[in-house]
């Protein structure tokens, strides 16, 4: 089974050794591609010097998470890879993660996305995001689960194993989303095509990120824009329902803050793009690649 690990990097220097070092130890052979989004630190030089086996693509600018990953996904399809494994730059994996997820995918073709358990950077606790959406209380109970897989409504794209069937059916990330929301939209499209999402309790990935404080001001309204845009684009909804959960919901929130007027207007301005994207996502056409 040919596997391409895809990492989108921007100022990757801090995590290079742990991230790429963990991939060197993989029990299953892999190829690694790093798409660098115009790093300002020594990331590119370090990869060239210390990890010459990595296929490095320098974009020269920040394409965003989705567009950069799409470069790797298209390469995986064109070069006949059986799987693509998306890995965040601030993350690393157990030596057996790739092997276990491949075996799981072969047994369970119904899964469009498979992931390991997400732990924090120290490996002591569940990643805070994974803890929230998985409903799991702690690392010990999560990883002692005897089930082969645990189905979830969502898993973030820090560690995604995508079988070729997923790449062929779902394609790449939507250009509608530049920063944040890309993985929510992709998961919605996976569900629309009748595929499922799950994690394996038998292996783990480590995500070195701190829980951000609750956004305020412009950051808060940007997060609200991304959320309502993902609802607006959700292909599992009729357009009427999507409009209710997208722009209309913002109008109802205006009494909570005048910033929702701007959120509503930005969503309205995206309407033609949303309609086009929804139509594309309803088909199996290697969307957005």
C-alpha atoms as a PDB file:
ATOM      1  CA  UNK A   1       0.000   0.000   0.000  1.00  0.00           C
ATOM      2  CA  UNK A   2       1.494   3.310  -1.127  1.00  0.00           C
ATOM      3  CA  UNK A   3       1.045   6.128   1.383  1.00  0.00           C
ATOM      4  CA  UNK A   4       1.798   9.804   0.909  1.00  0.00           C
ATOM      5  CA  UNK A   5       2.067  11.862   4.098  1.00  0.00           C
ATOM      6  CA  UNK A   6       1.164  15.494   3.389  1.00  0.00           C
ATOM      7  CA  UNK A   7       2.262  18.306   5.699  1.00  0.00           C
ATOM      8  CA  UNK A   8       1.459  21.969   5.115  1.00  0.00           C
ATOM      9  CA  UNK A   9       4.086  24.099   6.806  1.00  0.00           C
ATOM     10  CA  UNK A  10       4.498  27.702   7.825  1.00  0.00           C
ATOM     11  CA  UNK A  11       7.377  28.485  10.193  1.00  0.00           C
ATOM     12  CA  UNK A  12       7.761  24.767  10.851  1.00  0.00           C
ATOM     13  CA  UNK A  13      11.191  24.959  12.516  1.00  0.00           C
ATOM     14  CA  UNK A  14       9.986  24.395  16.078  1.00  0.00           C
ATOM     15  CA  UNK A  15       8.395  21.004  15.302  1.00  0.00           C
ATOM     16  CA  UNK A  16      10.430  19.647  12.385  1.00  0.00           C
ATOM     17  CA  UNK A  17      12.499  17.136  14.363  1.00  0.00           C
ATOM     18  CA  UNK A  18       9.554  15.631  16.227  1.00  0.00           C
ATOM     19  CA  UNK A  19       7.174  15.644  13.270  1.00  0.00           C
ATOM     20  CA  UNK A  20       9.446  14.380  10.491  1.00  0.00           C
ATOM     21  CA  UNK A  21      11.462  12.303  12.951  1.00  0.00           C
ATOM     22  CA  UNK A  22       8.349  10.333  13.911  1.00  0.00           C
ATOM     23  CA  UNK A  23       7.649   9.597  10.255  1.00  0.00           C
ATOM     24  CA  UNK A  24      11.128   8.146   9.778  1.00  0.00           C
ATOM     25  CA  UNK A  25      10.239   5.552  12.412  1.00  0.00           C
ATOM     26  CA  UNK A  26       6.992   4.479  10.726  1.00  0.00           C
ATOM     27  CA  UNK A  27       6.540   0.719  10.669  1.00  0.00           C
ATOM     28  CA  UNK A  28       4.882   1.049   7.256  1.00  0.00           C
ATOM     29  CA  UNK A  29       6.885   2.538   4.363  1.00  0.00           C
ATOM     30  CA  UNK A  30       5.758   6.050   3.459  1.00  0.00           C
ATOM     31  CA  UNK A  31       6.621   8.959   1.228  1.00  0.00           C
ATOM     32  CA  UNK A  32       6.525  12.429   2.737  1.00  0.00           C
ATOM     33  CA  UNK A  33       5.617  15.694   1.060  1.00  0.00           C
ATOM     34  CA  UNK A  34       5.920  19.090   2.742  1.00  0.00           C
ATOM     35  CA  UNK A  35       4.170  22.022   1.086  1.00  0.00           C
ATOM     36  CA  UNK A  36       5.768  25.125   2.552  1.00  0.00           C
ATOM     37  CA  UNK A  37       3.531  28.199   2.593  1.00  0.00           C
ATOM     38  CA  UNK A  38       6.310  30.783   2.535  1.00  0.00           C
ATOM     39  CA  UNK A  39       7.994  30.178   5.901  1.00  0.00           C
ATOM     40  CA  UNK A  40      10.032  33.086   7.275  1.00  0.00           C
ATOM     41  CA  UNK A  41      12.200  30.942   9.554  1.00  0.00           C
ATOM     42  CA  UNK A  42      14.780  28.241   8.693  1.00  0.00           C
ATOM     43  CA  UNK A  43      12.192  25.540   7.913  1.00  0.00           C
ATOM     44  CA  UNK A  44      13.112  25.069   4.267  1.00  0.00           C
ATOM     45  CA  UNK A  45      16.860  24.957   4.898  1.00  0.00           C
ATOM     46  CA  UNK A  46      16.480  22.445   7.737  1.00  0.00           C
ATOM     47  CA  UNK A  47      14.298  20.125   5.678  1.00  0.00           C
ATOM     48  CA  UNK A  48      16.720  20.218   2.752  1.00  0.00           C
ATOM     49  CA  UNK A  49      19.712  19.534   4.998  1.00  0.00           C
ATOM     50  CA  UNK A  50      18.370  17.096   7.592  1.00  0.00           C
ATOM     51  CA  UNK A  51      15.478  15.397   5.780  1.00  0.00           C
ATOM     52  CA  UNK A  52      16.568  15.009   2.153  1.00  0.00           C
ATOM     53  CA  UNK A  53      14.080  12.179   1.626  1.00  0.00           C
ATOM     54  CA  UNK A  54      11.177  14.633   1.962  1.00  0.00           C
ATOM     55  CA  UNK A  55       9.643  15.971  -1.234  1.00  0.00           C
ATOM     56  CA  UNK A  56       9.567  19.708  -0.575  1.00  0.00           C
ATOM     57  CA  UNK A  57       7.336  22.092  -2.490  1.00  0.00           C
ATOM     58  CA  UNK A  58       7.914  25.790  -1.877  1.00  0.00           C
ATOM     59  CA  UNK A  59       4.830  27.825  -2.750  1.00  0.00           C
ATOM     60  CA  UNK A  60       6.525  31.142  -1.997  1.00  0.00           C
ATOM     61  CA  UNK A  61       3.360  32.484  -0.383  1.00  0.00           C
ATOM     62  CA  UNK A  62       0.663  31.473   2.054  1.00  0.00           C
ATOM     63  CA  UNK A  63      -1.939  29.567   0.055  1.00  0.00           C
ATOM     64  CA  UNK A  64      -3.922  28.664   3.142  1.00  0.00           C
ATOM     65  CA  UNK A  65      -4.422  25.196   4.600  1.00  0.00           C
ATOM     66  CA  UNK A  66      -6.855  23.858   2.024  1.00  0.00           C
ATOM     67  CA  UNK A  67      -5.210  24.997  -1.205  1.00  0.00           C
ATOM     68  CA  UNK A  68      -1.797  23.801  -0.046  1.00  0.00           C
ATOM     69  CA  UNK A  69      -3.119  20.381   0.954  1.00  0.00           C
ATOM     70  CA  UNK A  70      -4.834  20.108  -2.419  1.00  0.00           C
ATOM     71  CA  UNK A  71      -1.412  20.174  -4.094  1.00  0.00           C
ATOM     72  CA  UNK A  72      -0.505  17.034  -2.162  1.00  0.00           C
ATOM     73  CA  UNK A  73      -3.869  15.335  -2.698  1.00  0.00           C
ATOM     74  CA  UNK A  74      -3.700  15.863  -6.455  1.00  0.00           C
ATOM     75  CA  UNK A  75      -0.163  14.465  -6.484  1.00  0.00           C
ATOM     76  CA  UNK A  76      -1.339  11.409  -4.518  1.00  0.00           C
ATOM     77  CA  UNK A  77      -4.081  10.715  -7.037  1.00  0.00           C
ATOM     78  CA  UNK A  78      -1.926  11.338 -10.087  1.00  0.00           C
ATOM     79  CA  UNK A  79       0.907   9.136  -8.786  1.00  0.00           C
ATOM     80  CA  UNK A  80      -1.295   6.195  -7.804  1.00  0.00           C
ATOM     81  CA  UNK A  81      -1.099   6.351  -4.019  1.00  0.00           C
ATOM     82  CA  UNK A  82      -3.523   4.157  -2.097  1.00  0.00           C
ATOM     83  CA  UNK A  83      -3.720   6.555   0.851  1.00  0.00           C
ATOM     84  CA  UNK A  84      -2.936  10.130   1.775  1.00  0.00           C
ATOM     85  CA  UNK A  85      -2.241  10.945   5.415  1.00  0.00           C
ATOM     86  CA  UNK A  86      -2.702  14.600   6.332  1.00  0.00           C
ATOM     87  CA  UNK A  87      -0.536  15.626   9.273  1.00  0.00           C
ATOM     88  CA  UNK A  88      -0.353  19.018  10.955  1.00  0.00           C
ATOM     89  CA  UNK A  89       3.101  20.575  11.225  1.00  0.00           C
ATOM     90  CA  UNK A  90       2.755  20.825  15.024  1.00  0.00           C
ATOM     91  CA  UNK A  91       1.976  17.127  15.368  1.00  0.00           C
ATOM     92  CA  UNK A  92       3.658  13.718  15.280  1.00  0.00           C
ATOM     93  CA  UNK A  93       2.566  10.082  15.469  1.00  0.00           C
ATOM     94  CA  UNK A  94       3.335   6.693  16.974  1.00  0.00           C
ATOM     95  CA  UNK A  95       5.530   4.386  14.909  1.00  0.00           C
ATOM     96  CA  UNK A  96       2.557   2.100  14.195  1.00  0.00           C
ATOM     97  CA  UNK A  97      -0.069   4.751  13.387  1.00  0.00           C
ATOM     98  CA  UNK A  98       0.145   4.481   9.603  1.00  0.00           C
ATOM     99  CA  UNK A  99       0.183   0.675   9.683  1.00  0.00           C
ATOM    100  CA  UNK A 100      -2.825   0.405  11.997  1.00  0.00           C
ATOM    101  CA  UNK A 101      -4.915   2.934  10.096  1.00  0.00           C
ATOM    102  CA  UNK A 102      -4.215   1.206   6.775  1.00  0.00           C
ATOM    103  CA  UNK A 103      -5.246  -2.180   8.152  1.00  0.00           C
ATOM    104  CA  UNK A 104      -8.357  -0.631   9.655  1.00  0.00           C
ATOM    105  CA  UNK A 105      -9.280   1.031   6.376  1.00  0.00           C
ATOM    106  CA  UNK A 106      -8.907  -2.259   4.513  1.00  0.00           C
ATOM    107  CA  UNK A 107     -11.269  -3.984   6.945  1.00  0.00           C
ATOM    108  CA  UNK A 108     -13.719  -1.070   7.027  1.00  0.00           C
ATOM    109  CA  UNK A 109     -14.161   0.485   3.570  1.00  0.00           C
ATOM    110  CA  UNK A 110     -17.159   2.421   4.878  1.00  0.00           C
ATOM    111  CA  UNK A 111     -14.825   4.941   6.531  1.00  0.00           C
ATOM    112  CA  UNK A 112     -13.883   7.979   4.480  1.00  0.00           C
ATOM    113  CA  UNK A 113     -11.632   9.418   7.195  1.00  0.00           C
ATOM    114  CA  UNK A 114      -9.689   7.514   9.844  1.00  0.00           C
ATOM    115  CA  UNK A 115      -7.635   9.028  12.647  1.00  0.00           C
ATOM    116  CA  UNK A 116      -5.655   7.936  15.709  1.00  0.00           C
ATOM    117  CA  UNK A 117      -6.487   9.107  19.215  1.00  0.00           C
ATOM    118  CA  UNK A 118      -5.457  12.770  19.519  1.00  0.00           C
ATOM    119  CA  UNK A 119      -3.266  13.462  22.553  1.00  0.00           C
ATOM    120  CA  UNK A 120      -1.680  16.709  23.683  1.00  0.00           C
ATOM    121  CA  UNK A 121       1.972  17.495  22.979  1.00  0.00           C
ATOM    122  CA  UNK A 122       3.127  15.850  26.206  1.00  0.00           C
ATOM    123  CA  UNK A 123       1.099  12.714  25.546  1.00  0.00           C
ATOM    124  CA  UNK A 124      -0.407  12.923  29.033  1.00  0.00           C
ATOM    125  CA  UNK A 125      -3.958  13.916  28.160  1.00  0.00           C
ATOM    126  CA  UNK A 126      -6.414  13.994  25.300  1.00  0.00           C
ATOM    127  CA  UNK A 127      -6.090  16.978  22.991  1.00  0.00           C
ATOM    128  CA  UNK A 128      -8.659  19.514  24.208  1.00  0.00           C
ATOM    129  CA  UNK A 129     -10.526  19.585  20.887  1.00  0.00           C
ATOM    130  CA  UNK A 130     -10.610  15.809  20.574  1.00  0.00           C
ATOM    131  CA  UNK A 131     -11.842  15.565  24.175  1.00  0.00           C
ATOM    132  CA  UNK A 132     -14.736  17.886  23.339  1.00  0.00           C
ATOM    133  CA  UNK A 133     -16.076  16.327  20.148  1.00  0.00           C
ATOM    134  CA  UNK A 134     -15.254  12.682  20.955  1.00  0.00           C
ATOM    135  CA  UNK A 135     -17.005  12.735  24.315  1.00  0.00           C
ATOM    136  CA  UNK A 136     -14.099  10.801  25.829  1.00  0.00           C
ATOM    137  CA  UNK A 137     -13.153  11.750  29.374  1.00  0.00           C
ATOM    138  CA  UNK A 138      -9.465  10.835  29.560  1.00  0.00           C
ATOM    139  CA  UNK A 139      -6.555   9.200  27.761  1.00  0.00           C
ATOM    140  CA  UNK A 140      -6.634   5.946  29.725  1.00  0.00           C
ATOM    141  CA  UNK A 141     -10.275   5.083  29.105  1.00  0.00           C
ATOM    142  CA  UNK A 142     -10.024   6.194  25.488  1.00  0.00           C
ATOM    143  CA  UNK A 143      -6.993   4.057  24.620  1.00  0.00           C
ATOM    144  CA  UNK A 144      -8.127   1.040  26.614  1.00  0.00           C
ATOM    145  CA  UNK A 145     -11.278   0.831  24.490  1.00  0.00           C
ATOM    146  CA  UNK A 146     -11.382  -2.656  22.977  1.00  0.00           C
ATOM    147  CA  UNK A 147     -13.326  -1.596  19.926  1.00  0.00           C
ATOM    148  CA  UNK A 148     -11.452  -1.593  16.642  1.00  0.00           C
ATOM    149  CA  UNK A 149     -12.910   1.755  15.651  1.00  0.00           C
ATOM    150  CA  UNK A 150     -15.014   4.456  17.290  1.00  0.00           C
ATOM    151  CA  UNK A 151     -17.282   6.399  14.971  1.00  0.00           C
ATOM    152  CA  UNK A 152     -17.436  10.187  15.337  1.00  0.00           C
ATOM    153  CA  UNK A 153     -19.466  12.970  13.727  1.00  0.00           C
ATOM    154  CA  UNK A 154     -16.246  14.966  13.262  1.00  0.00           C
ATOM    155  CA  UNK A 155     -12.491  14.754  13.718  1.00  0.00           C
ATOM    156  CA  UNK A 156     -10.154  17.636  12.980  1.00  0.00           C
ATOM    157  CA  UNK A 157      -7.605  17.390  10.205  1.00  0.00           C
ATOM    158  CA  UNK A 158      -4.496  17.214  12.381  1.00  0.00           C
ATOM    159  CA  UNK A 159      -4.312  13.479  11.587  1.00  0.00           C
ATOM    160  CA  UNK A 160      -6.404  12.275   8.644  1.00  0.00           C
ATOM    161  CA  UNK A 161      -5.955   9.004   6.799  1.00  0.00           C
ATOM    162  CA  UNK A 162      -7.778   9.319   3.487  1.00  0.00           C
ATOM    163  CA  UNK A 163      -8.198   6.150   1.406  1.00  0.00           C
ATOM    164  CA  UNK A 164      -7.988   6.579  -2.340  1.00  0.00           C
ATOM    165  CA  UNK A 165     -11.759   6.118  -2.554  1.00  0.00           C
ATOM    166  CA  UNK A 166     -12.192   9.263  -0.468  1.00  0.00           C
ATOM    167  CA  UNK A 167      -9.800  11.269  -2.633  1.00  0.00           C
ATOM    168  CA  UNK A 168     -11.548  10.098  -5.783  1.00  0.00           C
ATOM    169  CA  UNK A 169     -15.039  10.739  -4.409  1.00  0.00           C
ATOM    170  CA  UNK A 170     -14.630  13.856  -2.263  1.00  0.00           C
ATOM    171  CA  UNK A 171     -11.540  15.366  -3.861  1.00  0.00           C
ATOM    172  CA  UNK A 172      -9.825  18.279  -2.148  1.00  0.00           C
ATOM    173  CA  UNK A 173     -10.658  21.103   0.200  1.00  0.00           C
ATOM    174  CA  UNK A 174     -13.080  23.760  -0.985  1.00  0.00           C
ATOM    175  CA  UNK A 175     -11.604  27.135  -2.017  1.00  0.00           C
ATOM    176  CA  UNK A 176     -14.573  28.715  -0.249  1.00  0.00           C
ATOM    177  CA  UNK A 177     -12.578  28.366   2.988  1.00  0.00           C
ATOM    178  CA  UNK A 178      -9.171  29.996   3.343  1.00  0.00           C
ATOM    179  CA  UNK A 179      -8.314  29.651   7.028  1.00  0.00           C
ATOM    180  CA  UNK A 180     -10.438  27.527   9.390  1.00  0.00           C
ATOM    181  CA  UNK A 181     -13.610  25.686   8.473  1.00  0.00           C
ATOM    182  CA  UNK A 182     -11.945  23.626   5.734  1.00  0.00           C
ATOM    183  CA  UNK A 183     -12.083  20.372   7.686  1.00  0.00           C
ATOM    184  CA  UNK A 184     -15.691  20.907   8.831  1.00  0.00           C
ATOM    185  CA  UNK A 185     -16.752  21.407   5.226  1.00  0.00           C
ATOM    186  CA  UNK A 186     -14.793  18.334   4.089  1.00  0.00           C
ATOM    187  CA  UNK A 187     -16.395  16.172   6.780  1.00  0.00           C
ATOM    188  CA  UNK A 188     -19.835  17.384   5.699  1.00  0.00           C
ATOM    189  CA  UNK A 189     -19.047  16.316   2.143  1.00  0.00           C
ATOM    190  CA  UNK A 190     -17.765  12.918   3.309  1.00  0.00           C
ATOM    191  CA  UNK A 191     -21.076  12.334   5.079  1.00  0.00           C
ATOM    192  CA  UNK A 192     -23.030  13.475   2.021  1.00  0.00           C
ATOM    193  CA  UNK A 193     -21.364  10.761  -0.057  1.00  0.00           C
ATOM    194  CA  UNK A 194     -22.362   8.092   2.469  1.00  0.00           C
ATOM    195  CA  UNK A 195     -18.958   7.606   4.074  1.00  0.00           C
ATOM    196  CA  UNK A 196     -18.188   7.627   7.810  1.00  0.00           C
ATOM    197  CA  UNK A 197     -15.556   9.083  10.156  1.00  0.00           C
ATOM    198  CA  UNK A 198     -13.828   7.173  12.955  1.00  0.00           C
ATOM    199  CA  UNK A 199     -10.713   6.908  15.100  1.00  0.00           C
ATOM    200  CA  UNK A 200      -8.727   3.885  16.206  1.00  0.00           C
ATOM    201  CA  UNK A 201      -8.124   3.489  19.962  1.00  0.00           C
ATOM    202  CA  UNK A 202      -5.065   1.360  19.158  1.00  0.00           C
ATOM    203  CA  UNK A 203      -2.700   4.187  18.247  1.00  0.00           C
ATOM    204  CA  UNK A 204      -2.112   7.868  18.953  1.00  0.00           C
ATOM    205  CA  UNK A 205      -0.987  11.148  17.489  1.00  0.00           C
ATOM    206  CA  UNK A 206       0.382  14.075  19.479  1.00  0.00           C
ATOM    207  CA  UNK A 207      -0.779  17.635  18.813  1.00  0.00           C
ATOM    208  CA  UNK A 208       1.404  20.321  20.348  1.00  0.00           C
ATOM    209  CA  UNK A 209      -1.040  23.179  20.645  1.00  0.00           C
ATOM    210  CA  UNK A 210      -2.331  25.216  23.540  1.00  0.00           C
ATOM    211  CA  UNK A 211      -5.991  25.878  24.074  1.00  0.00           C
ATOM    212  CA  UNK A 212      -6.627  29.378  22.818  1.00  0.00           C
ATOM    213  CA  UNK A 213      -8.623  31.811  24.933  1.00  0.00           C
ATOM    214  CA  UNK A 214     -12.147  32.458  23.769  1.00  0.00           C
ATOM    215  CA  UNK A 215     -11.894  34.888  20.836  1.00  0.00           C
ATOM    216  CA  UNK A 216     -13.054  38.453  21.337  1.00  0.00           C
ATOM    217  CA  UNK A 217     -13.646  41.411  19.056  1.00  0.00           C
ATOM    218  CA  UNK A 218     -12.771  40.854  15.401  1.00  0.00           C
ATOM    219  CA  UNK A 219     -11.454  37.349  16.098  1.00  0.00           C
ATOM    220  CA  UNK A 220     -14.809  36.370  17.588  1.00  0.00           C
ATOM    221  CA  UNK A 221     -16.761  37.649  14.607  1.00  0.00           C
ATOM    222  CA  UNK A 222     -14.371  35.930  12.210  1.00  0.00           C
ATOM    223  CA  UNK A 223     -14.987  32.634  14.015  1.00  0.00           C
ATOM    224  CA  UNK A 224     -18.726  33.280  13.722  1.00  0.00           C
ATOM    225  CA  UNK A 225     -18.328  33.990  10.009  1.00  0.00           C
ATOM    226  CA  UNK A 226     -16.484  30.710   9.484  1.00  0.00           C
ATOM    227  CA  UNK A 227     -19.078  28.774  11.452  1.00  0.00           C
ATOM    228  CA  UNK A 228     -22.036  30.245   9.564  1.00  0.00           C
ATOM    229  CA  UNK A 229     -20.235  29.873   6.237  1.00  0.00           C
ATOM    230  CA  UNK A 230     -19.750  26.156   6.943  1.00  0.00           C
ATOM    231  CA  UNK A 231     -23.484  25.914   7.669  1.00  0.00           C
ATOM    232  CA  UNK A 232     -24.314  27.865   4.501  1.00  0.00           C
ATOM    233  CA  UNK A 233     -22.180  25.518   2.420  1.00  0.00           C
ATOM    234  CA  UNK A 234     -23.321  22.311   4.148  1.00  0.00           C
ATOM    235  CA  UNK A 235     -24.336  20.092   1.270  1.00  0.00           C
ATOM    236  CA  UNK A 236     -26.388  17.887   3.596  1.00  0.00           C
ATOM    237  CA  UNK A 237     -28.905  20.739   3.944  1.00  0.00           C
ATOM    238  CA  UNK A 238     -31.332  22.012   1.352  1.00  0.00           C
ATOM    239  CA  UNK A 239     -30.403  25.516   0.225  1.00  0.00           C
ATOM    240  CA  UNK A 240     -33.319  26.943   2.193  1.00  0.00           C
ATOM    241  CA  UNK A 241     -32.167  25.235   5.382  1.00  0.00           C
ATOM    242  CA  UNK A 242     -28.572  26.306   4.722  1.00  0.00           C
ATOM    243  CA  UNK A 243     -29.699  29.909   4.273  1.00  0.00           C
ATOM    244  CA  UNK A 244     -31.579  29.730   7.581  1.00  0.00           C
ATOM    245  CA  UNK A 245     -28.504  28.427   9.439  1.00  0.00           C
ATOM    246  CA  UNK A 246     -26.177  30.781   7.581  1.00  0.00           C
ATOM    247  CA  UNK A 247     -27.168  34.398   6.815  1.00  0.00           C
ATOM    248  CA  UNK A 248     -30.575  34.332   8.494  1.00  0.00           C
ATOM    249  CA  UNK A 249     -29.128  33.083  11.777  1.00  0.00           C
ATOM    250  CA  UNK A 250     -26.777  36.084  11.795  1.00  0.00           C
ATOM    251  CA  UNK A 251     -29.680  38.496  11.489  1.00  0.00           C
ATOM    252  CA  UNK A 252     -31.248  36.916  14.551  1.00  0.00           C
ATOM    253  CA  UNK A 253     -27.979  37.437  16.457  1.00  0.00           C
ATOM    254  CA  UNK A 254     -27.653  41.159  15.714  1.00  0.00           C
ATOM    255  CA  UNK A 255     -29.163  42.100  19.114  1.00  0.00           C
ATOM    256  CA  UNK A 256     -26.166  40.274  20.664  1.00  0.00           C
ATOM    257  CA  UNK A 257     -23.658  42.491  18.830  1.00  0.00           C
ATOM    258  CA  UNK A 258     -23.556  44.835  15.863  1.00  0.00           C
ATOM    259  CA  UNK A 259     -20.645  42.856  14.439  1.00  0.00           C
ATOM    260  CA  UNK A 260     -23.170  40.320  13.179  1.00  0.00           C
ATOM    261  CA  UNK A 261     -24.264  42.856  10.566  1.00  0.00           C
ATOM    262  CA  UNK A 262     -20.813  42.587   9.003  1.00  0.00           C
ATOM    263  CA  UNK A 263     -20.885  38.776   9.285  1.00  0.00           C
ATOM    264  CA  UNK A 264     -24.295  38.705   7.576  1.00  0.00           C
ATOM    265  CA  UNK A 265     -23.104  40.977   4.766  1.00  0.00           C
ATOM    266  CA  UNK A 266     -19.962  38.904   4.129  1.00  0.00           C
ATOM    267  CA  UNK A 267     -22.117  35.789   3.893  1.00  0.00           C
ATOM    268  CA  UNK A 268     -24.496  37.462   1.452  1.00  0.00           C
ATOM    269  CA  UNK A 269     -21.519  38.496  -0.683  1.00  0.00           C
ATOM    270  CA  UNK A 270     -20.422  34.845  -0.767  1.00  0.00           C
ATOM    271  CA  UNK A 271     -23.820  33.598  -1.945  1.00  0.00           C
ATOM    272  CA  UNK A 272     -22.934  33.046  -5.609  1.00  0.00           C
ATOM    273  CA  UNK A 273     -19.734  31.231  -4.589  1.00  0.00           C
ATOM    274  CA  UNK A 274     -21.658  29.156  -2.039  1.00  0.00           C
ATOM    275  CA  UNK A 275     -24.257  28.112  -4.619  1.00  0.00           C
ATOM    276  CA  UNK A 276     -21.543  27.147  -7.108  1.00  0.00           C
ATOM    277  CA  UNK A 277     -19.633  25.201  -4.447  1.00  0.00           C
ATOM    278  CA  UNK A 278     -22.742  23.362  -3.254  1.00  0.00           C
ATOM    279  CA  UNK A 279     -23.469  22.216  -6.819  1.00  0.00           C
ATOM    280  CA  UNK A 280     -19.911  20.990  -7.285  1.00  0.00           C
ATOM    281  CA  UNK A 281     -19.966  19.136  -3.968  1.00  0.00           C
ATOM    282  CA  UNK A 282     -23.105  17.218  -4.902  1.00  0.00           C
ATOM    283  CA  UNK A 283     -21.158  15.273  -7.519  1.00  0.00           C
ATOM    284  CA  UNK A 284     -18.240  12.841  -7.515  1.00  0.00           C
ATOM    285  CA  UNK A 285     -15.772  14.727  -9.682  1.00  0.00           C
ATOM    286  CA  UNK A 286     -12.501  14.969  -7.733  1.00  0.00           C
ATOM    287  CA  UNK A 287     -13.959  18.219  -6.459  1.00  0.00           C
ATOM    288  CA  UNK A 288     -11.596  21.204  -6.229  1.00  0.00           C
ATOM    289  CA  UNK A 289      -8.512  19.290  -7.423  1.00  0.00           C
END
